[in-house]
Amino acid sequence: MTNVERACLLAGLFPKELPGVLQDIRDRATYLREHEDNIRKEWDNGLITAEFWFDLAKRVHGAVEKYDKKLLKSRRLFADQLFDGHNALFTIDCIAKYAKKGNGSARFRLAVDMLFEHHP
């Protein structure tokens, strides 16, 4: 399965979890924007540059703001906008952290783990 297919499945199985996921994405993107200078100084990810990560956050946040409630109504739009291409890197990071913090139902957290953290 592709990331888009996984996201479509997750959204179809857990539509009530999506508002919390979208708010968490907004919150994480806002945090990055508000603390950009400090994050850049401390950035130590050798695989992804800070510039690339900030760009992904901006693009994903832009899609969340642009489509807003439409993302809650269409699992396909949710998946296509947030999990296609490189956008998936930021969105998966957000959703994995959201689930690891104990947000969402136990089944939702298990699905996130199975679909996005333990795939080939």
PDB file of N, CA and C in Angstrom:
ATOM      1  N   MET A   1       0.838  -1.194   0.000  1.00  0.00           N
ATOM      2  CA  MET A   1       0.000   0.000   0.000  1.00  0.00           C
ATOM      3  C   MET A   1       0.882   1.256   0.000  1.00  0.00           C
ATOM      4  N   THR A   2       0.416   2.262  -0.686  1.00  0.00           N
ATOM      5  CA  THR A   2       1.109   3.550  -0.664  1.00  0.00           C
ATOM      6  C   THR A   2       0.690   4.329   0.578  1.00  0.00           C
ATOM      7  N   ASN A   3       1.402   5.404   0.865  1.00  0.00           N
ATOM      8  CA  ASN A   3       1.014   6.258   1.987  1.00  0.00           C
ATOM      9  C   ASN A   3      -0.387   6.821   1.793  1.00  0.00           C
ATOM     10  N   VAL A   4      -0.737   7.188   0.571  1.00  0.00           N
ATOM     11  CA  VAL A   4      -2.076   7.715   0.293  1.00  0.00           C
ATOM     12  C   VAL A   4      -3.126   6.641   0.578  1.00  0.00           C
ATOM     13  N   GLU A   5      -2.880   5.428   0.155  1.00  0.00           N
ATOM     14  CA  GLU A   5      -3.823   4.328   0.405  1.00  0.00           C
ATOM     15  C   GLU A   5      -3.950   4.049   1.906  1.00  0.00           C
ATOM     16  N   ARG A   6      -2.841   4.072   2.614  1.00  0.00           N
ATOM     17  CA  ARG A   6      -2.882   3.852   4.067  1.00  0.00           C
ATOM     18  C   ARG A   6      -3.696   4.949   4.755  1.00  0.00           C
ATOM     19  N   ALA A   7      -3.453   6.191   4.341  1.00  0.00           N
ATOM     20  CA  ALA A   7      -4.171   7.323   4.938  1.00  0.00           C
ATOM     21  C   ALA A   7      -5.656   7.266   4.633  1.00  0.00           C
ATOM     22  N   CYS A   8      -6.002   6.865   3.447  1.00  0.00           N
ATOM     23  CA  CYS A   8      -7.406   6.733   3.058  1.00  0.00           C
ATOM     24  C   CYS A   8      -8.079   5.663   3.921  1.00  0.00           C
ATOM     25  N   LEU A   9      -7.395   4.575   4.141  1.00  0.00           N
ATOM     26  CA  LEU A   9      -7.912   3.509   4.996  1.00  0.00           C
ATOM     27  C   LEU A   9      -8.086   4.013   6.426  1.00  0.00           C
ATOM     28  N   LEU A  10      -7.090   4.673   6.957  1.00  0.00           N
ATOM     29  CA  LEU A  10      -7.155   5.193   8.324  1.00  0.00           C
ATOM     30  C   LEU A  10      -8.320   6.175   8.479  1.00  0.00           C
ATOM     31  N   ALA A  11      -8.452   7.086   7.522  1.00  0.00           N
ATOM     32  CA  ALA A  11      -9.530   8.073   7.578  1.00  0.00           C
ATOM     33  C   ALA A  11     -10.894   7.414   7.472  1.00  0.00           C
ATOM     34  N   GLY A  12     -10.997   6.355   6.672  1.00  0.00           N
ATOM     35  CA  GLY A  12     -12.258   5.637   6.546  1.00  0.00           C
ATOM     36  C   GLY A  12     -12.631   4.873   7.798  1.00  0.00           C
ATOM     37  N   LEU A  13     -11.640   4.333   8.466  1.00  0.00           N
ATOM     38  CA  LEU A  13     -11.893   3.558   9.689  1.00  0.00           C
ATOM     39  C   LEU A  13     -12.113   4.437  10.922  1.00  0.00           C
ATOM     40  N   PHE A  14     -11.476   5.611  10.942  1.00  0.00           N
ATOM     41  CA  PHE A  14     -11.503   6.455  12.135  1.00  0.00           C
ATOM     42  C   PHE A  14     -11.833   7.916  11.810  1.00  0.00           C
ATOM     43  N   PRO A  15     -12.981   8.163  11.195  1.00  0.00           N
ATOM     44  CA  PRO A  15     -13.305   9.550  10.830  1.00  0.00           C
ATOM     45  C   PRO A  15     -13.434  10.485  12.036  1.00  0.00           C
ATOM     46  N   LYS A  16     -13.824   9.953  13.166  1.00  0.00           N
ATOM     47  CA  LYS A  16     -13.983  10.800  14.362  1.00  0.00           C
ATOM     48  C   LYS A  16     -12.652  11.249  14.940  1.00  0.00           C
ATOM     49  N   GLU A  17     -11.570  10.611  14.536  1.00  0.00           N
ATOM     50  CA  GLU A  17     -10.243  10.974  15.020  1.00  0.00           C
ATOM     51  C   GLU A  17      -9.625  12.121  14.209  1.00  0.00           C
ATOM     52  N   LEU A  18     -10.150  12.363  13.016  1.00  0.00           N
ATOM     53  CA  LEU A  18      -9.532  13.324  12.109  1.00  0.00           C
ATOM     54  C   LEU A  18      -9.499  14.765  12.622  1.00  0.00           C
ATOM     55  N   PRO A  19     -10.543  15.263  13.292  1.00  0.00           N
ATOM     56  CA  PRO A  19     -10.433  16.635  13.804  1.00  0.00           C
ATOM     57  C   PRO A  19      -9.241  16.823  14.743  1.00  0.00           C
ATOM     58  N   GLY A  20      -9.005  15.860  15.608  1.00  0.00           N
ATOM     59  CA  GLY A  20      -7.854  15.937  16.511  1.00  0.00           C
ATOM     60  C   GLY A  20      -6.540  15.871  15.769  1.00  0.00           C
ATOM     61  N   VAL A  21      -6.467  15.037  14.756  1.00  0.00           N
ATOM     62  CA  VAL A  21      -5.256  14.916  13.941  1.00  0.00           C
ATOM     63  C   VAL A  21      -4.965  16.233  13.231  1.00  0.00           C
ATOM     64  N   LEU A  22      -5.986  16.815  12.619  1.00  0.00           N
ATOM     65  CA  LEU A  22      -5.788  18.070  11.900  1.00  0.00           C
ATOM     66  C   LEU A  22      -5.383  19.201  12.838  1.00  0.00           C
ATOM     67  N   GLN A  23      -5.970  19.240  14.016  1.00  0.00           N
ATOM     68  CA  GLN A  23      -5.588  20.275  14.979  1.00  0.00           C
ATOM     69  C   GLN A  23      -4.149  20.079  15.437  1.00  0.00           C
ATOM     70  N   ASP A  24      -3.746  18.844  15.610  1.00  0.00           N
ATOM     71  CA  ASP A  24      -2.370  18.572  16.008  1.00  0.00           C
ATOM     72  C   ASP A  24      -1.388  19.000  14.915  1.00  0.00           C
ATOM     73  N   ILE A  25      -1.743  18.762  13.662  1.00  0.00           N
ATOM     74  CA  ILE A  25      -0.891  19.206  12.553  1.00  0.00           C
ATOM     75  C   ILE A  25      -0.775  20.726  12.581  1.00  0.00           C
ATOM     76  N   ARG A  26      -1.898  21.411  12.782  1.00  0.00           N
ATOM     77  CA  ARG A  26      -1.870  22.877  12.876  1.00  0.00           C
ATOM     78  C   ARG A  26      -0.947  23.322  14.012  1.00  0.00           C
ATOM     79  N   ASP A  27      -1.108  22.687  15.156  1.00  0.00           N
ATOM     80  CA  ASP A  27      -0.320  23.059  16.336  1.00  0.00           C
ATOM     81  C   ASP A  27       1.169  22.840  16.099  1.00  0.00           C
ATOM     82  N   ARG A  28       1.525  21.720  15.498  1.00  0.00           N
ATOM     83  CA  ARG A  28       2.944  21.422  15.255  1.00  0.00           C
ATOM     84  C   ARG A  28       3.544  22.386  14.226  1.00  0.00           C
ATOM     85  N   ALA A  29       2.797  22.693  13.188  1.00  0.00           N
ATOM     86  CA  ALA A  29       3.287  23.642  12.181  1.00  0.00           C
ATOM     87  C   ALA A  29       3.444  25.033  12.785  1.00  0.00           C
ATOM     88  N   THR A  30       2.506  25.424  13.626  1.00  0.00           N
ATOM     89  CA  THR A  30       2.586  26.727  14.292  1.00  0.00           C
ATOM     90  C   THR A  30       3.793  26.771  15.223  1.00  0.00           C
ATOM     91  N   TYR A  31       4.012  25.702  15.965  1.00  0.00           N
ATOM     92  CA  TYR A  31       5.164  25.636  16.865  1.00  0.00           C
ATOM     93  C   TYR A  31       6.464  25.803  16.072  1.00  0.00           C
ATOM     94  N   LEU A  32       6.570  25.092  14.950  1.00  0.00           N
ATOM     95  CA  LEU A  32       7.777  25.204  14.122  1.00  0.00           C
ATOM     96  C   LEU A  32       7.985  26.634  13.656  1.00  0.00           C
ATOM     97  N   ARG A  33       6.916  27.269  13.207  1.00  0.00           N
ATOM     98  CA  ARG A  33       7.014  28.644  12.707  1.00  0.00           C
ATOM     99  C   ARG A  33       7.416  29.605  13.826  1.00  0.00           C
ATOM    100  N   GLU A  34       6.845  29.421  15.003  1.00  0.00           N
ATOM    101  CA  GLU A  34       7.117  30.328  16.119  1.00  0.00           C
ATOM    102  C   GLU A  34       8.495  30.122  16.734  1.00  0.00           C
ATOM    103  N   HIS A  35       9.070  28.950  16.564  1.00  0.00           N
ATOM    104  CA  HIS A  35      10.368  28.632  17.165  1.00  0.00           C
ATOM    105  C   HIS A  35      11.422  28.315  16.106  1.00  0.00           C
ATOM    106  N   GLU A  36      11.223  28.824  14.916  1.00  0.00           N
ATOM    107  CA  GLU A  36      12.074  28.471  13.780  1.00  0.00           C
ATOM    108  C   GLU A  36      13.560  28.733  14.039  1.00  0.00           C
ATOM    109  N   ASP A  37      13.895  29.883  14.566  1.00  0.00           N
ATOM    110  CA  ASP A  37      15.306  30.207  14.781  1.00  0.00           C
ATOM    111  C   ASP A  37      15.986  29.215  15.720  1.00  0.00           C
ATOM    112  N   ASN A  38      15.351  28.922  16.838  1.00  0.00           N
ATOM    113  CA  ASN A  38      15.935  27.971  17.797  1.00  0.00           C
ATOM    114  C   ASN A  38      16.021  26.561  17.222  1.00  0.00           C
ATOM    115  N   ILE A  39      14.992  26.161  16.507  1.00  0.00           N
ATOM    116  CA  ILE A  39      14.993  24.820  15.916  1.00  0.00           C
ATOM    117  C   ILE A  39      16.109  24.702  14.887  1.00  0.00           C
ATOM    118  N   ARG A  40      16.281  25.722  14.079  1.00  0.00           N
ATOM    119  CA  ARG A  40      17.357  25.700  13.070  1.00  0.00           C
ATOM    120  C   ARG A  40      18.737  25.583  13.730  1.00  0.00           C
ATOM    121  N   LYS A  41      18.944  26.299  14.823  1.00  0.00           N
ATOM    122  CA  LYS A  41      20.232  26.254  15.530  1.00  0.00           C
ATOM    123  C   LYS A  41      20.532  24.867  16.074  1.00  0.00           C
ATOM    124  N   GLU A  42      19.489  24.148  16.495  1.00  0.00           N
ATOM    125  CA  GLU A  42      19.665  22.845  17.131  1.00  0.00           C
ATOM    126  C   GLU A  42      19.434  21.673  16.181  1.00  0.00           C
ATOM    127  N   TRP A  43      19.145  21.950  14.924  1.00  0.00           N
ATOM    128  CA  TRP A  43      18.808  20.899  13.962  1.00  0.00           C
ATOM    129  C   TRP A  43      19.975  19.941  13.805  1.00  0.00           C
ATOM    130  N   ASP A  44      19.698  18.639  13.957  1.00  0.00           N
ATOM    131  CA  ASP A  44      20.768  17.647  13.827  1.00  0.00           C
ATOM    132  C   ASP A  44      20.354  16.421  13.017  1.00  0.00           C
ATOM    133  N   ASN A  45      19.320  16.561  12.220  1.00  0.00           N
ATOM    134  CA  ASN A  45      18.883  15.456  11.384  1.00  0.00           C
ATOM    135  C   ASN A  45      19.751  15.428  10.129  1.00  0.00           C
ATOM    136  N   GLY A  46      20.539  14.399   9.997  1.00  0.00           N
ATOM    137  CA  GLY A  46      21.449  14.307   8.870  1.00  0.00           C
ATOM    138  C   GLY A  46      20.787  13.922   7.556  1.00  0.00           C
ATOM    139  N   LEU A  47      19.564  13.415   7.609  1.00  0.00           N
ATOM    140  CA  LEU A  47      18.882  12.978   6.398  1.00  0.00           C
ATOM    141  C   LEU A  47      18.040  14.071   5.752  1.00  0.00           C
ATOM    142  N   ILE A  48      17.505  14.956   6.574  1.00  0.00           N
ATOM    143  CA  ILE A  48      16.602  16.002   6.091  1.00  0.00           C
ATOM    144  C   ILE A  48      17.116  17.344   6.605  1.00  0.00           C
ATOM    145  N   THR A  49      17.173  18.317   5.719  1.00  0.00           N
ATOM    146  CA  THR A  49      17.605  19.645   6.149  1.00  0.00           C
ATOM    147  C   THR A  49      16.462  20.362   6.856  1.00  0.00           C
ATOM    148  N   ALA A  50      16.807  21.292   7.694  1.00  0.00           N
ATOM    149  CA  ALA A  50      15.794  22.094   8.384  1.00  0.00           C
ATOM    150  C   ALA A  50      14.940  22.833   7.364  1.00  0.00           C
ATOM    151  N   GLU A  51      15.568  23.351   6.328  1.00  0.00           N
ATOM    152  CA  GLU A  51      14.829  24.086   5.287  1.00  0.00           C
ATOM    153  C   GLU A  51      13.750  23.212   4.661  1.00  0.00           C
ATOM    154  N   PHE A  52      14.109  21.972   4.344  1.00  0.00           N
ATOM    155  CA  PHE A  52      13.154  21.037   3.750  1.00  0.00           C
ATOM    156  C   PHE A  52      12.008  20.753   4.722  1.00  0.00           C
ATOM    157  N   TRP A  53      12.341  20.534   5.994  1.00  0.00           N
ATOM    158  CA  TRP A  53      11.313  20.225   7.001  1.00  0.00           C
ATOM    159  C   TRP A  53      10.346  21.399   7.185  1.00  0.00           C
ATOM    160  N   PHE A  54      10.892  22.601   7.254  1.00  0.00           N
ATOM    161  CA  PHE A  54      10.034  23.779   7.391  1.00  0.00           C
ATOM    162  C   PHE A  54       9.151  23.963   6.163  1.00  0.00           C
ATOM    163  N   ASP A  55       9.684  23.661   4.996  1.00  0.00           N
ATOM    164  CA  ASP A  55       8.892  23.747   3.774  1.00  0.00           C
ATOM    165  C   ASP A  55       7.753  22.730   3.796  1.00  0.00           C
ATOM    166  N   LEU A  56       8.051  21.514   4.219  1.00  0.00           N
ATOM    167  CA  LEU A  56       6.997  20.495   4.320  1.00  0.00           C
ATOM    168  C   LEU A  56       5.912  20.935   5.296  1.00  0.00           C
ATOM    169  N   ALA A  57       6.322  21.441   6.443  1.00  0.00           N
ATOM    170  CA  ALA A  57       5.351  21.894   7.450  1.00  0.00           C
ATOM    171  C   ALA A  57       4.465  22.994   6.872  1.00  0.00           C
ATOM    172  N   LYS A  58       5.068  23.908   6.143  1.00  0.00           N
ATOM    173  CA  LYS A  58       4.309  25.011   5.540  1.00  0.00           C
ATOM    174  C   LYS A  58       3.317  24.490   4.508  1.00  0.00           C
ATOM    175  N   ARG A  59       3.762  23.552   3.682  1.00  0.00           N
ATOM    176  CA  ARG A  59       2.880  22.996   2.645  1.00  0.00           C
ATOM    177  C   ARG A  59       1.721  22.214   3.253  1.00  0.00           C
ATOM    178  N   VAL A  60       2.005  21.373   4.237  1.00  0.00           N
ATOM    179  CA  VAL A  60       0.949  20.577   4.869  1.00  0.00           C
ATOM    180  C   VAL A  60      -0.023  21.492   5.616  1.00  0.00           C
ATOM    181  N   HIS A  61       0.512  22.447   6.354  1.00  0.00           N
ATOM    182  CA  HIS A  61      -0.351  23.391   7.075  1.00  0.00           C
ATOM    183  C   HIS A  61      -1.209  24.169   6.076  1.00  0.00           C
ATOM    184  N   GLY A  62      -0.630  24.562   4.966  1.00  0.00           N
ATOM    185  CA  GLY A  62      -1.390  25.271   3.937  1.00  0.00           C
ATOM    186  C   GLY A  62      -2.544  24.445   3.401  1.00  0.00           C
ATOM    187  N   ALA A  63      -2.317  23.155   3.193  1.00  0.00           N
ATOM    188  CA  ALA A  63      -3.384  22.269   2.719  1.00  0.00           C
ATOM    189  C   ALA A  63      -4.474  22.119   3.773  1.00  0.00           C
ATOM    190  N   VAL A  64      -4.074  22.006   5.044  1.00  0.00           N
ATOM    191  CA  VAL A  64      -5.060  21.894   6.127  1.00  0.00           C
ATOM    192  C   VAL A  64      -5.916  23.153   6.182  1.00  0.00           C
ATOM    193  N   GLU A  65      -5.295  24.303   6.064  1.00  0.00           N
ATOM    194  CA  GLU A  65      -6.046  25.565   6.109  1.00  0.00           C
ATOM    195  C   GLU A  65      -6.915  25.743   4.861  1.00  0.00           C
ATOM    196  N   LYS A  66      -6.391  25.389   3.714  1.00  0.00           N
ATOM    197  CA  LYS A  66      -7.129  25.571   2.461  1.00  0.00           C
ATOM    198  C   LYS A  66      -8.373  24.690   2.406  1.00  0.00           C
ATOM    199  N   TYR A  67      -8.232  23.428   2.754  1.00  0.00           N
ATOM    200  CA  TYR A  67      -9.337  22.482   2.609  1.00  0.00           C
ATOM    201  C   TYR A  67     -10.141  22.289   3.891  1.00  0.00           C
ATOM    202  N   ASP A  68      -9.570  22.614   5.023  1.00  0.00           N
ATOM    203  CA  ASP A  68     -10.216  22.620   6.328  1.00  0.00           C
ATOM    204  C   ASP A  68     -11.242  21.494   6.494  1.00  0.00           C
ATOM    205  N   LYS A  69     -12.495  21.829   6.616  1.00  0.00           N
ATOM    206  CA  LYS A  69     -13.547  20.839   6.907  1.00  0.00           C
ATOM    207  C   LYS A  69     -13.770  19.849   5.768  1.00  0.00           C
ATOM    208  N   LYS A  70     -13.350  20.200   4.564  1.00  0.00           N
ATOM    209  CA  LYS A  70     -13.475  19.271   3.435  1.00  0.00           C
ATOM    210  C   LYS A  70     -12.619  18.028   3.678  1.00  0.00           C
ATOM    211  N   LEU A  71     -11.514  18.210   4.404  1.00  0.00           N
ATOM    212  CA  LEU A  71     -10.650  17.070   4.716  1.00  0.00           C
ATOM    213  C   LEU A  71     -11.356  16.080   5.638  1.00  0.00           C
ATOM    214  N   LEU A  72     -12.299  16.578   6.415  1.00  0.00           N
ATOM    215  CA  LEU A  72     -13.057  15.715   7.325  1.00  0.00           C
ATOM    216  C   LEU A  72     -14.168  14.961   6.593  1.00  0.00           C
ATOM    217  N   LYS A  73     -14.614  15.513   5.495  1.00  0.00           N
ATOM    218  CA  LYS A  73     -15.736  14.928   4.754  1.00  0.00           C
ATOM    219  C   LYS A  73     -15.294  13.953   3.673  1.00  0.00           C
ATOM    220  N   SER A  74     -14.072  14.119   3.197  1.00  0.00           N
ATOM    221  CA  SER A  74     -13.581  13.275   2.112  1.00  0.00           C
ATOM    222  C   SER A  74     -12.269  12.619   2.510  1.00  0.00           C
ATOM    223  N   ARG A  75     -12.330  11.334   2.742  1.00  0.00           N
ATOM    224  CA  ARG A  75     -11.097  10.630   3.125  1.00  0.00           C
ATOM    225  C   ARG A  75     -10.092  10.645   1.981  1.00  0.00           C
ATOM    226  N   ARG A  76     -10.589  10.684   0.758  1.00  0.00           N
ATOM    227  CA  ARG A  76      -9.689  10.726  -0.395  1.00  0.00           C
ATOM    228  C   ARG A  76      -8.936  12.058  -0.457  1.00  0.00           C
ATOM    229  N   LEU A  77      -9.651  13.152  -0.206  1.00  0.00           N
ATOM    230  CA  LEU A  77      -9.013  14.461  -0.192  1.00  0.00           C
ATOM    231  C   LEU A  77      -7.998  14.533   0.946  1.00  0.00           C
ATOM    232  N   PHE A  78      -8.382  14.036   2.116  1.00  0.00           N
ATOM    233  CA  PHE A  78      -7.490  13.969   3.279  1.00  0.00           C
ATOM    234  C   PHE A  78      -6.192  13.261   2.896  1.00  0.00           C
ATOM    235  N   ALA A  79      -6.328  12.104   2.298  1.00  0.00           N
ATOM    236  CA  ALA A  79      -5.159  11.301   1.938  1.00  0.00           C
ATOM    237  C   ALA A  79      -4.336  11.958   0.825  1.00  0.00           C
ATOM    238  N   ASP A  80      -5.008  12.446  -0.207  1.00  0.00           N
ATOM    239  CA  ASP A  80      -4.297  13.041  -1.340  1.00  0.00           C
ATOM    240  C   ASP A  80      -3.527  14.300  -0.958  1.00  0.00           C
ATOM    241  N   GLN A  81      -4.107  15.137  -0.138  1.00  0.00           N
ATOM    242  CA  GLN A  81      -3.476  16.408   0.204  1.00  0.00           C
ATOM    243  C   GLN A  81      -2.369  16.266   1.240  1.00  0.00           C
ATOM    244  N   LEU A  82      -2.544  15.368   2.185  1.00  0.00           N
ATOM    245  CA  LEU A  82      -1.620  15.307   3.317  1.00  0.00           C
ATOM    246  C   LEU A  82      -0.611  14.169   3.255  1.00  0.00           C
ATOM    247  N   PHE A  83      -0.859  13.161   2.427  1.00  0.00           N
ATOM    248  CA  PHE A  83      -0.002  11.977   2.420  1.00  0.00           C
ATOM    249  C   PHE A  83       0.621  11.672   1.061  1.00  0.00           C
ATOM    250  N   ASP A  84       0.478  12.576   0.118  1.00  0.00           N
ATOM    251  CA  ASP A  84       1.053  12.344  -1.206  1.00  0.00           C
ATOM    252  C   ASP A  84       2.474  12.919  -1.261  1.00  0.00           C
ATOM    253  N   GLY A  85       3.344  12.202  -1.887  1.00  0.00           N
ATOM    254  CA  GLY A  85       4.712  12.678  -2.076  1.00  0.00           C
ATOM    255  C   GLY A  85       5.421  12.961  -0.761  1.00  0.00           C
ATOM    256  N   HIS A  86       6.228  14.018  -0.776  1.00  0.00           N
ATOM    257  CA  HIS A  86       7.018  14.367   0.400  1.00  0.00           C
ATOM    258  C   HIS A  86       6.169  14.880   1.563  1.00  0.00           C
ATOM    259  N   ASN A  87       4.968  15.380   1.277  1.00  0.00           N
ATOM    260  CA  ASN A  87       4.093  15.833   2.364  1.00  0.00           C
ATOM    261  C   ASN A  87       3.884  14.729   3.399  1.00  0.00           C
ATOM    262  N   ALA A  88       3.908  13.500   2.943  1.00  0.00           N
ATOM    263  CA  ALA A  88       3.702  12.368   3.845  1.00  0.00           C
ATOM    264  C   ALA A  88       4.731  12.333   4.970  1.00  0.00           C
ATOM    265  N   LEU A  89       5.948  12.783   4.697  1.00  0.00           N
ATOM    266  CA  LEU A  89       6.989  12.761   5.735  1.00  0.00           C
ATOM    267  C   LEU A  89       6.560  13.564   6.961  1.00  0.00           C
ATOM    268  N   PHE A  90       6.097  14.775   6.727  1.00  0.00           N
ATOM    269  CA  PHE A  90       5.678  15.622   7.842  1.00  0.00           C
ATOM    270  C   PHE A  90       4.389  15.103   8.474  1.00  0.00           C
ATOM    271  N   THR A  91       3.419  14.741   7.644  1.00  0.00           N
ATOM    272  CA  THR A  91       2.131  14.293   8.172  1.00  0.00           C
ATOM    273  C   THR A  91       2.272  13.009   8.977  1.00  0.00           C
ATOM    274  N   ILE A  92       3.047  12.074   8.481  1.00  0.00           N
ATOM    275  CA  ILE A  92       3.242  10.817   9.224  1.00  0.00           C
ATOM    276  C   ILE A  92       3.955  11.084  10.541  1.00  0.00           C
ATOM    277  N   ASP A  93       4.941  11.960  10.535  1.00  0.00           N
ATOM    278  CA  ASP A  93       5.615  12.318  11.779  1.00  0.00           C
ATOM    279  C   ASP A  93       4.605  12.895  12.779  1.00  0.00           C
ATOM    280  N   CYS A  94       3.758  13.778  12.300  1.00  0.00           N
ATOM    281  CA  CYS A  94       2.741  14.387  13.177  1.00  0.00           C
ATOM    282  C   CYS A  94       1.775  13.340  13.722  1.00  0.00           C
ATOM    283  N   ILE A  95       1.257  12.509  12.842  1.00  0.00           N
ATOM    284  CA  ILE A  95       0.238  11.545  13.262  1.00  0.00           C
ATOM    285  C   ILE A  95       0.832  10.489  14.190  1.00  0.00           C
ATOM    286  N   ALA A  96       2.073  10.108  13.952  1.00  0.00           N
ATOM    287  CA  ALA A  96       2.738   9.132  14.828  1.00  0.00           C
ATOM    288  C   ALA A  96       2.950   9.732  16.218  1.00  0.00           C
ATOM    289  N   LYS A  97       3.403  10.975  16.285  1.00  0.00           N
ATOM    290  CA  LYS A  97       3.603  11.641  17.573  1.00  0.00           C
ATOM    291  C   LYS A  97       2.271  11.858  18.286  1.00  0.00           C
ATOM    292  N   TYR A  98       1.241  12.201  17.539  1.00  0.00           N
ATOM    293  CA  TYR A  98      -0.100  12.384  18.093  1.00  0.00           C
ATOM    294  C   TYR A  98      -0.570  11.090  18.759  1.00  0.00           C
ATOM    295  N   ALA A  99      -0.400   9.980  18.066  1.00  0.00           N
ATOM    296  CA  ALA A  99      -0.824   8.684  18.609  1.00  0.00           C
ATOM    297  C   ALA A  99       0.045   8.264  19.798  1.00  0.00           C
ATOM    298  N   LYS A 100       1.356   8.484  19.704  1.00  0.00           N
ATOM    299  CA  LYS A 100       2.261   8.091  20.786  1.00  0.00           C
ATOM    300  C   LYS A 100       1.983   8.844  22.081  1.00  0.00           C
ATOM    301  N   LYS A 101       1.419  10.053  21.955  1.00  0.00           N
ATOM    302  CA  LYS A 101       1.076  10.830  23.147  1.00  0.00           C
ATOM    303  C   LYS A 101      -0.201  10.315  23.802  1.00  0.00           C
ATOM    304  N   GLY A 102      -0.804   9.261  23.242  1.00  0.00           N
ATOM    305  CA  GLY A 102      -2.003   8.672  23.810  1.00  0.00           C
ATOM    306  C   GLY A 102      -3.288   9.282  23.291  1.00  0.00           C
ATOM    307  N   ASN A 103      -3.193  10.081  22.242  1.00  0.00           N
ATOM    308  CA  ASN A 103      -4.389  10.679  21.661  1.00  0.00           C
ATOM    309  C   ASN A 103      -5.129   9.658  20.808  1.00  0.00           C
ATOM    310  N   GLY A 104      -6.435   9.793  20.773  1.00  0.00           N
ATOM    311  CA  GLY A 104      -7.248   8.886  19.986  1.00  0.00           C
ATOM    312  C   GLY A 104      -7.517   7.595  20.738  1.00  0.00           C
ATOM    313  N   SER A 105      -8.375   6.802  20.157  1.00  0.00           N
ATOM    314  CA  SER A 105      -8.729   5.524  20.776  1.00  0.00           C
ATOM    315  C   SER A 105      -7.557   4.550  20.693  1.00  0.00           C
ATOM    316  N   ALA A 106      -7.623   3.507  21.480  1.00  0.00           N
ATOM    317  CA  ALA A 106      -6.574   2.485  21.450  1.00  0.00           C
ATOM    318  C   ALA A 106      -6.484   1.853  20.066  1.00  0.00           C
ATOM    319  N   ARG A 107      -7.622   1.633  19.436  1.00  0.00           N
ATOM    320  CA  ARG A 107      -7.619   1.038  18.093  1.00  0.00           C
ATOM    321  C   ARG A 107      -6.988   1.983  17.074  1.00  0.00           C
ATOM    322  N   PHE A 108      -7.288   3.265  17.192  1.00  0.00           N
ATOM    323  CA  PHE A 108      -6.681   4.256  16.296  1.00  0.00           C
ATOM    324  C   PHE A 108      -5.165   4.243  16.464  1.00  0.00           C
ATOM    325  N   ARG A 109      -4.692   4.260  17.694  1.00  0.00           N
ATOM    326  CA  ARG A 109      -3.241   4.260  17.943  1.00  0.00           C
ATOM    327  C   ARG A 109      -2.589   3.004  17.379  1.00  0.00           C
ATOM    328  N   LEU A 110      -3.235   1.881  17.517  1.00  0.00           N
ATOM    329  CA  LEU A 110      -2.717   0.631  16.965  1.00  0.00           C
ATOM    330  C   LEU A 110      -2.684   0.694  15.438  1.00  0.00           C
ATOM    331  N   ALA A 111      -3.732   1.246  14.839  1.00  0.00           N
ATOM    332  CA  ALA A 111      -3.776   1.372  13.381  1.00  0.00           C
ATOM    333  C   ALA A 111      -2.659   2.286  12.872  1.00  0.00           C
ATOM    334  N   VAL A 112      -2.432   3.400  13.560  1.00  0.00           N
ATOM    335  CA  VAL A 112      -1.350   4.302  13.168  1.00  0.00           C
ATOM    336  C   VAL A 112      -0.020   3.566  13.230  1.00  0.00           C
ATOM    337  N   ASP A 113       0.179   2.829  14.295  1.00  0.00           N
ATOM    338  CA  ASP A 113       1.419   2.078  14.451  1.00  0.00           C
ATOM    339  C   ASP A 113       1.584   1.056  13.321  1.00  0.00           C
ATOM    340  N   MET A 114       0.534   0.321  13.043  1.00  0.00           N
ATOM    341  CA  MET A 114       0.621  -0.712  12.008  1.00  0.00           C
ATOM    342  C   MET A 114       0.759  -0.127  10.609  1.00  0.00           C
ATOM    343  N   LEU A 115       0.024   0.940  10.318  1.00  0.00           N
ATOM    344  CA  LEU A 115       0.004   1.484   8.972  1.00  0.00           C
ATOM    345  C   LEU A 115       1.219   2.356   8.649  1.00  0.00           C
ATOM    346  N   PHE A 116       1.716   3.083   9.638  1.00  0.00           N
ATOM    347  CA  PHE A 116       2.747   4.078   9.325  1.00  0.00           C
ATOM    348  C   PHE A 116       4.088   3.880   9.991  1.00  0.00           C
ATOM    349  N   GLU A 117       4.135   3.067  11.016  1.00  0.00           N
ATOM    350  CA  GLU A 117       5.419   2.909  11.690  1.00  0.00           C
ATOM    351  C   GLU A 117       6.062   1.553  11.443  1.00  0.00           C
ATOM    352  N   HIS A 118       5.292   0.592  11.047  1.00  0.00           N
ATOM    353  CA  HIS A 118       5.843  -0.751  10.838  1.00  0.00           C
ATOM    354  C   HIS A 118       5.479  -1.271   9.465  1.00  0.00           C
ATOM    355  N   HIS A 119       5.772  -0.476   8.465  1.00  0.00           N
ATOM    356  CA  HIS A 119       5.532  -0.935   7.092  1.00  0.00           C
ATOM    357  C   HIS A 119       6.867  -1.028   6.368  1.00  0.00           C
ATOM    358  N   PRO A 120       6.901  -1.892   5.377  1.00  0.00           N
ATOM    359  CA  PRO A 120       8.164  -2.074   4.637  1.00  0.00           C
ATOM    360  C   PRO A 120       8.541  -0.869   3.814  1.00  0.00           C
TER     361      PRO A 120
END
